[in-house]
C-alpha atoms as a PDB file:
ATOM      1  CA  MET A   1      51.843 125.309 -27.486  1.00  0.00           C
ATOM      2  CA  GLN A   2      48.295 126.055 -28.420  1.00  0.00           C
ATOM      3  CA  GLN A   3      45.517 124.889 -26.124  1.00  0.00           C
ATOM      4  CA  GLU A   4      42.572 123.053 -27.662  1.00  0.00           C
ATOM      5  CA  PRO A   5      39.146 124.701 -27.230  1.00  0.00           C
ATOM      6  CA  SER A   6      37.203 123.002 -24.512  1.00  0.00           C
ATOM      7  CA  SER A   7      34.216 120.973 -25.626  1.00  0.00           C
ATOM      8  CA  LEU A   8      30.894 121.345 -23.895  1.00  0.00           C
ATOM      9  CA  MET A   9      31.365 117.947 -22.190  1.00  0.00           C
ATOM     10  CA  ASN A  10      34.816 118.925 -20.885  1.00  0.00           C
ATOM     11  CA  ARG A  11      33.550 122.206 -19.473  1.00  0.00           C
ATOM     12  CA  PHE A  12      30.662 120.338 -17.815  1.00  0.00           C
ATOM     13  CA  LEU A  13      33.003 117.727 -16.305  1.00  0.00           C
ATOM     14  CA  ASN A  14      35.362 120.447 -15.100  1.00  0.00           C
ATOM     15  CA  ARG A  15      32.454 122.184 -13.390  1.00  0.00           C
ATOM     16  CA  VAL A  16      31.349 118.891 -11.747  1.00  0.00           C
ATOM     17  CA  GLU A  17      34.900 118.316 -10.515  1.00  0.00           C
ATOM     18  CA  TRP A  18      35.170 121.836  -9.162  1.00  0.00           C
ATOM     19  CA  LEU A  19      31.867 121.471  -7.356  1.00  0.00           C
ATOM     20  CA  GLY A  20      32.794 117.997  -5.999  1.00  0.00           C
ATOM     21  CA  ASN A  21      36.033 119.406  -4.587  1.00  0.00           C
ATOM     22  CA  LYS A  22      34.005 122.023  -2.681  1.00  0.00           C
ATOM     23  CA  LEU A  23      32.061 119.342  -0.784  1.00  0.00           C
ATOM     24  CA  PRO A  24      33.185 118.333   2.720  1.00  0.00           C
ATOM     25  CA  HIS A  25      34.450 114.890   3.607  1.00  0.00           C
ATOM     26  CA  PRO A  26      31.806 112.108   3.171  1.00  0.00           C
ATOM     27  CA  PHE A  27      31.746 111.433   6.950  1.00  0.00           C
ATOM     28  CA  ILE A  28      30.980 115.092   7.655  1.00  0.00           C
ATOM     29  CA  LEU A  29      28.167 114.924   5.054  1.00  0.00           C
ATOM     30  CA  PHE A  30      26.788 111.837   6.857  1.00  0.00           C
ATOM     31  CA  VAL A  31      26.854 113.661  10.177  1.00  0.00           C
ATOM     32  CA  TYR A  32      25.092 116.743   8.623  1.00  0.00           C
ATOM     33  CA  PHE A  33      22.367 114.559   7.081  1.00  0.00           C
ATOM     34  CA  ALA A  34      21.892 112.586  10.343  1.00  0.00           C
ATOM     35  CA  ILE A  35      21.437 115.820  12.314  1.00  0.00           C
ATOM     36  CA  ALA A  36      19.032 117.100   9.622  1.00  0.00           C
ATOM     37  CA  ILE A  37      16.930 113.919   9.917  1.00  0.00           C
ATOM     38  CA  ILE A  38      16.822 114.225  13.697  1.00  0.00           C
ATOM     39  CA  ILE A  39      15.674 117.850  13.501  1.00  0.00           C
ATOM     40  CA  ILE A  40      13.064 117.034  10.791  1.00  0.00           C
ATOM     41  CA  SER A  41      11.737 114.151  12.885  1.00  0.00           C
ATOM     42  CA  TRP A  42      11.336 116.465  15.854  1.00  0.00           C
ATOM     43  CA  ILE A  43       9.460 119.071  13.738  1.00  0.00           C
ATOM     44  CA  VAL A  44       7.159 116.487  12.124  1.00  0.00           C
ATOM     45  CA  SER A  45       6.356 114.930  15.494  1.00  0.00           C
ATOM     46  CA  GLN A  46       5.356 118.362  16.837  1.00  0.00           C
ATOM     47  CA  PHE A  47       2.598 118.437  14.239  1.00  0.00           C
ATOM     48  CA  ASN A  48       1.396 114.886  15.208  1.00  0.00           C
ATOM     49  CA  VAL A  49       1.834 113.618  11.634  1.00  0.00           C
ATOM     50  CA  ALA A  50       0.558 110.095  11.018  1.00  0.00           C
ATOM     51  CA  VAL A  51       0.296 107.944   7.856  1.00  0.00           C
ATOM     52  CA  GLU A  52      -1.531 104.752   7.035  1.00  0.00           C
ATOM     53  CA  HIS A  53       0.548 101.749   5.944  1.00  0.00           C
ATOM     54  CA  PRO A  54      -0.784 100.847   2.461  1.00  0.00           C
ATOM     55  CA  THR A  55      -0.897  97.025   2.892  1.00  0.00           C
ATOM     56  CA  THR A  56      -1.625  96.591   6.603  1.00  0.00           C
ATOM     57  CA  SER A  57      -3.746  99.749   7.143  1.00  0.00           C
ATOM     58  CA  GLU A  58      -1.824 100.334  10.343  1.00  0.00           C
ATOM     59  CA  VAL A  59      -1.526 103.960  11.390  1.00  0.00           C
ATOM     60  CA  ILE A  60       2.102 104.948  11.915  1.00  0.00           C
ATOM     61  CA  GLU A  61       2.781 108.120  13.880  1.00  0.00           C
ATOM     62  CA  ALA A  62       5.993 110.110  13.458  1.00  0.00           C
ATOM     63  CA  ARG A  63       8.199 110.043  16.502  1.00  0.00           C
ATOM     64  CA  SER A  64      10.934 112.415  17.445  1.00  0.00           C
ATOM     65  CA  LEU A  65      14.473 111.128  17.401  1.00  0.00           C
ATOM     66  CA  PHE A  66      15.390 114.112  19.495  1.00  0.00           C
ATOM     67  CA  SER A  67      14.349 112.544  22.787  1.00  0.00           C
ATOM     68  CA  GLY A  68      15.546 109.825  25.132  1.00  0.00           C
ATOM     69  CA  GLU A  69      13.113 107.337  23.585  1.00  0.00           C
ATOM     70  CA  GLY A  70      14.185 108.377  20.062  1.00  0.00           C
ATOM     71  CA  LEU A  71      17.862 107.992  20.878  1.00  0.00           C
ATOM     72  CA  LEU A  72      17.219 104.557  22.374  1.00  0.00           C
ATOM     73  CA  PHE A  73      15.246 103.629  19.240  1.00  0.00           C
ATOM     74  CA  MET A  74      18.116 104.700  16.942  1.00  0.00           C
ATOM     75  CA  LEU A  75      20.711 102.799  18.917  1.00  0.00           C
ATOM     76  CA  GLU A  76      18.601  99.633  19.267  1.00  0.00           C
ATOM     77  CA  SER A  77      17.694  99.486  15.564  1.00  0.00           C
ATOM     78  CA  MET A  78      21.136 100.473  14.193  1.00  0.00           C
ATOM     79  CA  ILE A  79      22.492  96.922  13.764  1.00  0.00           C
ATOM     80  CA  THR A  80      19.209  95.540  12.440  1.00  0.00           C
ATOM     81  CA  ASN A  81      18.932  98.346   9.873  1.00  0.00           C
ATOM     82  CA  PHE A  82      22.466  97.721   8.681  1.00  0.00           C
ATOM     83  CA  THR A  83      22.264  93.903   8.481  1.00  0.00           C
ATOM     84  CA  ALA A  84      18.762  93.951   6.906  1.00  0.00           C
ATOM     85  CA  SER A  85      19.898  96.187   4.096  1.00  0.00           C
ATOM     86  CA  PRO A  86      19.757  94.325   0.761  1.00  0.00           C
ATOM     87  CA  ARG A  87      23.165  95.579  -0.316  1.00  0.00           C
ATOM     88  CA  SER A  88      24.889  94.229   2.790  1.00  0.00           C
ATOM     89  CA  ALA A  89      22.998  90.948   3.157  1.00  0.00           C
ATOM     90  CA  SER A  90      24.991  87.876   2.161  1.00  0.00           C
ATOM     91  CA  SER A  91      23.621  85.608  -0.549  1.00  0.00           C
END
């Protein structure tokens, strides 16, 4: 049986599938990204980064999530962030 030559699209899709199979489980990816955000927030807070809100002109300072206050902030706002998300809000 002779094998058909692979088209460019089939080779591309095979490469995407191969790469996708190399990724860890989605939960592990979520944990990695959460840890990365916590570390980035700590680094940014060390440089006292602040931005101005475009509509209210309020100055918002970066705060570290790698502290007791930051951990409390994450836990207290977890439910609100989830329920206020447009994709999870009921119509």
